[in-house]
Amino acid sequence: MKYEWRKQEKNLYGVKQTPIIVEVPKQKFILVKGKGNPNEVD
């Protein structure tokens, strides 16, 4: 099942007419570490 972040998090990512302060909830993420250009051969 695909997570539709634009629909689920409209209050965080939607375009506003005037600037506002938004509280961002705690979220999980993945970090991938590496070196070099991924487009070049080693």
PDB file of N, CA and C in Angstrom:
ATOM      1  N   MET A   1       0.843  -1.179   0.000  1.00  0.00           N
ATOM      2  CA  MET A   1       0.000   0.000   0.000  1.00  0.00           C
ATOM      3  C   MET A   1       0.889   1.243   0.000  1.00  0.00           C
ATOM      4  N   LYS A   2       0.620   2.137  -0.907  1.00  0.00           N
ATOM      5  CA  LYS A   2       1.392   3.361  -1.039  1.00  0.00           C
ATOM      6  C   LYS A   2       0.888   4.406  -0.039  1.00  0.00           C
ATOM      7  N   TYR A   3       1.815   5.114   0.599  1.00  0.00           N
ATOM      8  CA  TYR A   3       1.452   6.171   1.547  1.00  0.00           C
ATOM      9  C   TYR A   3       1.347   7.490   0.791  1.00  0.00           C
ATOM     10  N   GLU A   4       0.171   8.051   0.741  1.00  0.00           N
ATOM     11  CA  GLU A   4      -0.071   9.310   0.036  1.00  0.00           C
ATOM     12  C   GLU A   4       0.221  10.479   0.974  1.00  0.00           C
ATOM     13  N   TRP A   5       1.494  10.870   1.092  1.00  0.00           N
ATOM     14  CA  TRP A   5       1.876  11.896   2.055  1.00  0.00           C
ATOM     15  C   TRP A   5       1.262  13.251   1.730  1.00  0.00           C
ATOM     16  N   ARG A   6       1.042  13.543   0.479  1.00  0.00           N
ATOM     17  CA  ARG A   6       0.427  14.831   0.130  1.00  0.00           C
ATOM     18  C   ARG A   6      -1.012  14.920   0.615  1.00  0.00           C
ATOM     19  N   LYS A   7      -1.702  13.792   0.634  1.00  0.00           N
ATOM     20  CA  LYS A   7      -3.085  13.778   1.116  1.00  0.00           C
ATOM     21  C   LYS A   7      -3.132  13.671   2.633  1.00  0.00           C
ATOM     22  N   GLN A   8      -2.246  12.869   3.225  1.00  0.00           N
ATOM     23  CA  GLN A   8      -2.270  12.623   4.667  1.00  0.00           C
ATOM     24  C   GLN A   8      -1.721  13.800   5.475  1.00  0.00           C
ATOM     25  N   GLU A   9      -0.751  14.505   4.936  1.00  0.00           N
ATOM     26  CA  GLU A   9      -0.070  15.579   5.676  1.00  0.00           C
ATOM     27  C   GLU A   9      -0.289  16.944   5.026  1.00  0.00           C
ATOM     28  N   LYS A  10      -1.500  17.247   4.617  1.00  0.00           N
ATOM     29  CA  LYS A  10      -1.795  18.525   3.952  1.00  0.00           C
ATOM     30  C   LYS A  10      -1.396  19.720   4.803  1.00  0.00           C
ATOM     31  N   ASN A  11      -1.598  19.615   6.110  1.00  0.00           N
ATOM     32  CA  ASN A  11      -1.285  20.745   6.994  1.00  0.00           C
ATOM     33  C   ASN A  11       0.213  21.040   7.048  1.00  0.00           C
ATOM     34  N   LEU A  12       1.070  20.059   6.730  1.00  0.00           N
ATOM     35  CA  LEU A  12       2.515  20.278   6.756  1.00  0.00           C
ATOM     36  C   LEU A  12       3.067  20.732   5.408  1.00  0.00           C
ATOM     37  N   TYR A  13       2.574  20.159   4.317  1.00  0.00           N
ATOM     38  CA  TYR A  13       3.186  20.361   3.011  1.00  0.00           C
ATOM     39  C   TYR A  13       2.360  21.193   2.047  1.00  0.00           C
ATOM     40  N   GLY A  14       1.151  21.538   2.414  1.00  0.00           N
ATOM     41  CA  GLY A  14       0.296  22.315   1.522  1.00  0.00           C
ATOM     42  C   GLY A  14       0.769  23.758   1.395  1.00  0.00           C
ATOM     43  N   VAL A  15       0.427  24.392   0.277  1.00  0.00           N
ATOM     44  CA  VAL A  15       0.797  25.786   0.033  1.00  0.00           C
ATOM     45  C   VAL A  15      -0.160  26.686   0.807  1.00  0.00           C
ATOM     46  N   LYS A  16       0.404  27.672   1.500  1.00  0.00           N
ATOM     47  CA  LYS A  16      -0.390  28.611   2.294  1.00  0.00           C
ATOM     48  C   LYS A  16      -0.308  30.007   1.673  1.00  0.00           C
ATOM     49  N   GLN A  17      -1.345  30.797   1.855  1.00  0.00           N
ATOM     50  CA  GLN A  17      -1.349  32.176   1.365  1.00  0.00           C
ATOM     51  C   GLN A  17      -0.499  33.081   2.253  1.00  0.00           C
ATOM     52  N   THR A  18      -0.494  32.791   3.561  1.00  0.00           N
ATOM     53  CA  THR A  18       0.300  33.584   4.496  1.00  0.00           C
ATOM     54  C   THR A  18       1.202  32.647   5.293  1.00  0.00           C
ATOM     55  N   PRO A  19       2.361  33.121   5.714  1.00  0.00           N
ATOM     56  CA  PRO A  19       3.260  32.280   6.508  1.00  0.00           C
ATOM     57  C   PRO A  19       2.639  31.924   7.859  1.00  0.00           C
ATOM     58  N   ILE A  20       2.814  30.678   8.286  1.00  0.00           N
ATOM     59  CA  ILE A  20       2.333  30.230   9.590  1.00  0.00           C
ATOM     60  C   ILE A  20       3.385  29.336  10.233  1.00  0.00           C
ATOM     61  N   ILE A  21       3.295  29.176  11.534  1.00  0.00           N
ATOM     62  CA  ILE A  21       4.178  28.267  12.259  1.00  0.00           C
ATOM     63  C   ILE A  21       3.478  26.917  12.343  1.00  0.00           C
ATOM     64  N   VAL A  22       4.188  25.860  11.941  1.00  0.00           N
ATOM     65  CA  VAL A  22       3.614  24.515  11.905  1.00  0.00           C
ATOM     66  C   VAL A  22       4.400  23.624  12.848  1.00  0.00           C
ATOM     67  N   GLU A  23       3.704  22.862  13.688  1.00  0.00           N
ATOM     68  CA  GLU A  23       4.366  21.869  14.539  1.00  0.00           C
ATOM     69  C   GLU A  23       4.478  20.567  13.765  1.00  0.00           C
ATOM     70  N   VAL A  24       5.715  20.107  13.591  1.00  0.00           N
ATOM     71  CA  VAL A  24       5.958  18.872  12.846  1.00  0.00           C
ATOM     72  C   VAL A  24       6.056  17.723  13.843  1.00  0.00           C
ATOM     73  N   PRO A  25       5.225  16.686  13.686  1.00  0.00           N
ATOM     74  CA  PRO A  25       5.273  15.551  14.613  1.00  0.00           C
ATOM     75  C   PRO A  25       6.530  14.710  14.402  1.00  0.00           C
ATOM     76  N   LYS A  26       6.869  13.917  15.407  1.00  0.00           N
ATOM     77  CA  LYS A  26       8.008  13.018  15.324  1.00  0.00           C
ATOM     78  C   LYS A  26       7.770  12.027  14.186  1.00  0.00           C
ATOM     79  N   GLN A  27       8.803  11.815  13.340  1.00  0.00           N
ATOM     80  CA  GLN A  27       8.664  10.919  12.195  1.00  0.00           C
ATOM     81  C   GLN A  27       9.854   9.975  12.115  1.00  0.00           C
ATOM     82  N   LYS A  28       9.637   8.825  11.509  1.00  0.00           N
ATOM     83  CA  LYS A  28      10.712   7.863  11.290  1.00  0.00           C
ATOM     84  C   LYS A  28      11.302   8.089   9.908  1.00  0.00           C
ATOM     85  N   PHE A  29      12.596   7.781   9.760  1.00  0.00           N
ATOM     86  CA  PHE A  29      13.243   7.925   8.467  1.00  0.00           C
ATOM     87  C   PHE A  29      14.351   6.893   8.333  1.00  0.00           C
ATOM     88  N   ILE A  30      14.844   6.742   7.125  1.00  0.00           N
ATOM     89  CA  ILE A  30      15.930   5.808   6.830  1.00  0.00           C
ATOM     90  C   ILE A  30      17.114   6.618   6.323  1.00  0.00           C
ATOM     91  N   LEU A  31      18.312   6.270   6.765  1.00  0.00           N
ATOM     92  CA  LEU A  31      19.531   6.930   6.336  1.00  0.00           C
ATOM     93  C   LEU A  31      20.427   5.903   5.675  1.00  0.00           C
ATOM     94  N   VAL A  32      20.934   6.225   4.489  1.00  0.00           N
ATOM     95  CA  VAL A  32      21.854   5.340   3.777  1.00  0.00           C
ATOM     96  C   VAL A  32      23.182   6.073   3.661  1.00  0.00           C
ATOM     97  N   LYS A  33      24.242   5.479   4.224  1.00  0.00           N
ATOM     98  CA  LYS A  33      25.560   6.093   4.169  1.00  0.00           C
ATOM     99  C   LYS A  33      26.359   5.489   3.023  1.00  0.00           C
ATOM    100  N   GLY A  34      27.217   6.294   2.440  1.00  0.00           N
ATOM    101  CA  GLY A  34      28.057   5.798   1.357  1.00  0.00           C
ATOM    102  C   GLY A  34      29.074   6.847   0.948  1.00  0.00           C
ATOM    103  N   LYS A  35      29.944   6.471   0.036  1.00  0.00           N
ATOM    104  CA  LYS A  35      30.973   7.375  -0.464  1.00  0.00           C
ATOM    105  C   LYS A  35      30.954   7.377  -1.978  1.00  0.00           C
ATOM    106  N   GLY A  36      31.373   8.496  -2.551  1.00  0.00           N
ATOM    107  CA  GLY A  36      31.552   8.569  -3.993  1.00  0.00           C
ATOM    108  C   GLY A  36      30.280   8.846  -4.769  1.00  0.00           C
ATOM    109  N   ASN A  37      30.474   8.965  -6.055  1.00  0.00           N
ATOM    110  CA  ASN A  37      29.380   9.231  -6.975  1.00  0.00           C
ATOM    111  C   ASN A  37      28.725   7.911  -7.371  1.00  0.00           C
ATOM    112  N   PRO A  38      27.443   7.740  -7.155  1.00  0.00           N
ATOM    113  CA  PRO A  38      26.790   6.474  -7.491  1.00  0.00           C
ATOM    114  C   PRO A  38      26.700   6.226  -8.996  1.00  0.00           C
ATOM    115  N   ASN A  39      26.986   7.249  -9.793  1.00  0.00           N
ATOM    116  CA  ASN A  39      26.908   7.110 -11.246  1.00  0.00           C
ATOM    117  C   ASN A  39      28.228   6.692 -11.879  1.00  0.00           C
ATOM    118  N   GLU A  40      29.287   6.562 -11.087  1.00  0.00           N
ATOM    119  CA  GLU A  40      30.598   6.170 -11.613  1.00  0.00           C
ATOM    120  C   GLU A  40      30.918   4.732 -11.248  1.00  0.00           C
ATOM    121  N   VAL A  41      31.747   4.090 -12.080  1.00  0.00           N
ATOM    122  CA  VAL A  41      32.202   2.728 -11.812  1.00  0.00           C
ATOM    123  C   VAL A  41      33.315   2.791 -10.775  1.00  0.00           C
ATOM    124  N   ASP A  42      33.325   1.843  -9.828  1.00  0.00           N
ATOM    125  CA  ASP A  42      34.369   1.821  -8.783  1.00  0.00           C
ATOM    126  C   ASP A  42      35.729   1.540  -9.354  1.00  0.00           C
TER     127      ASP A  42
END
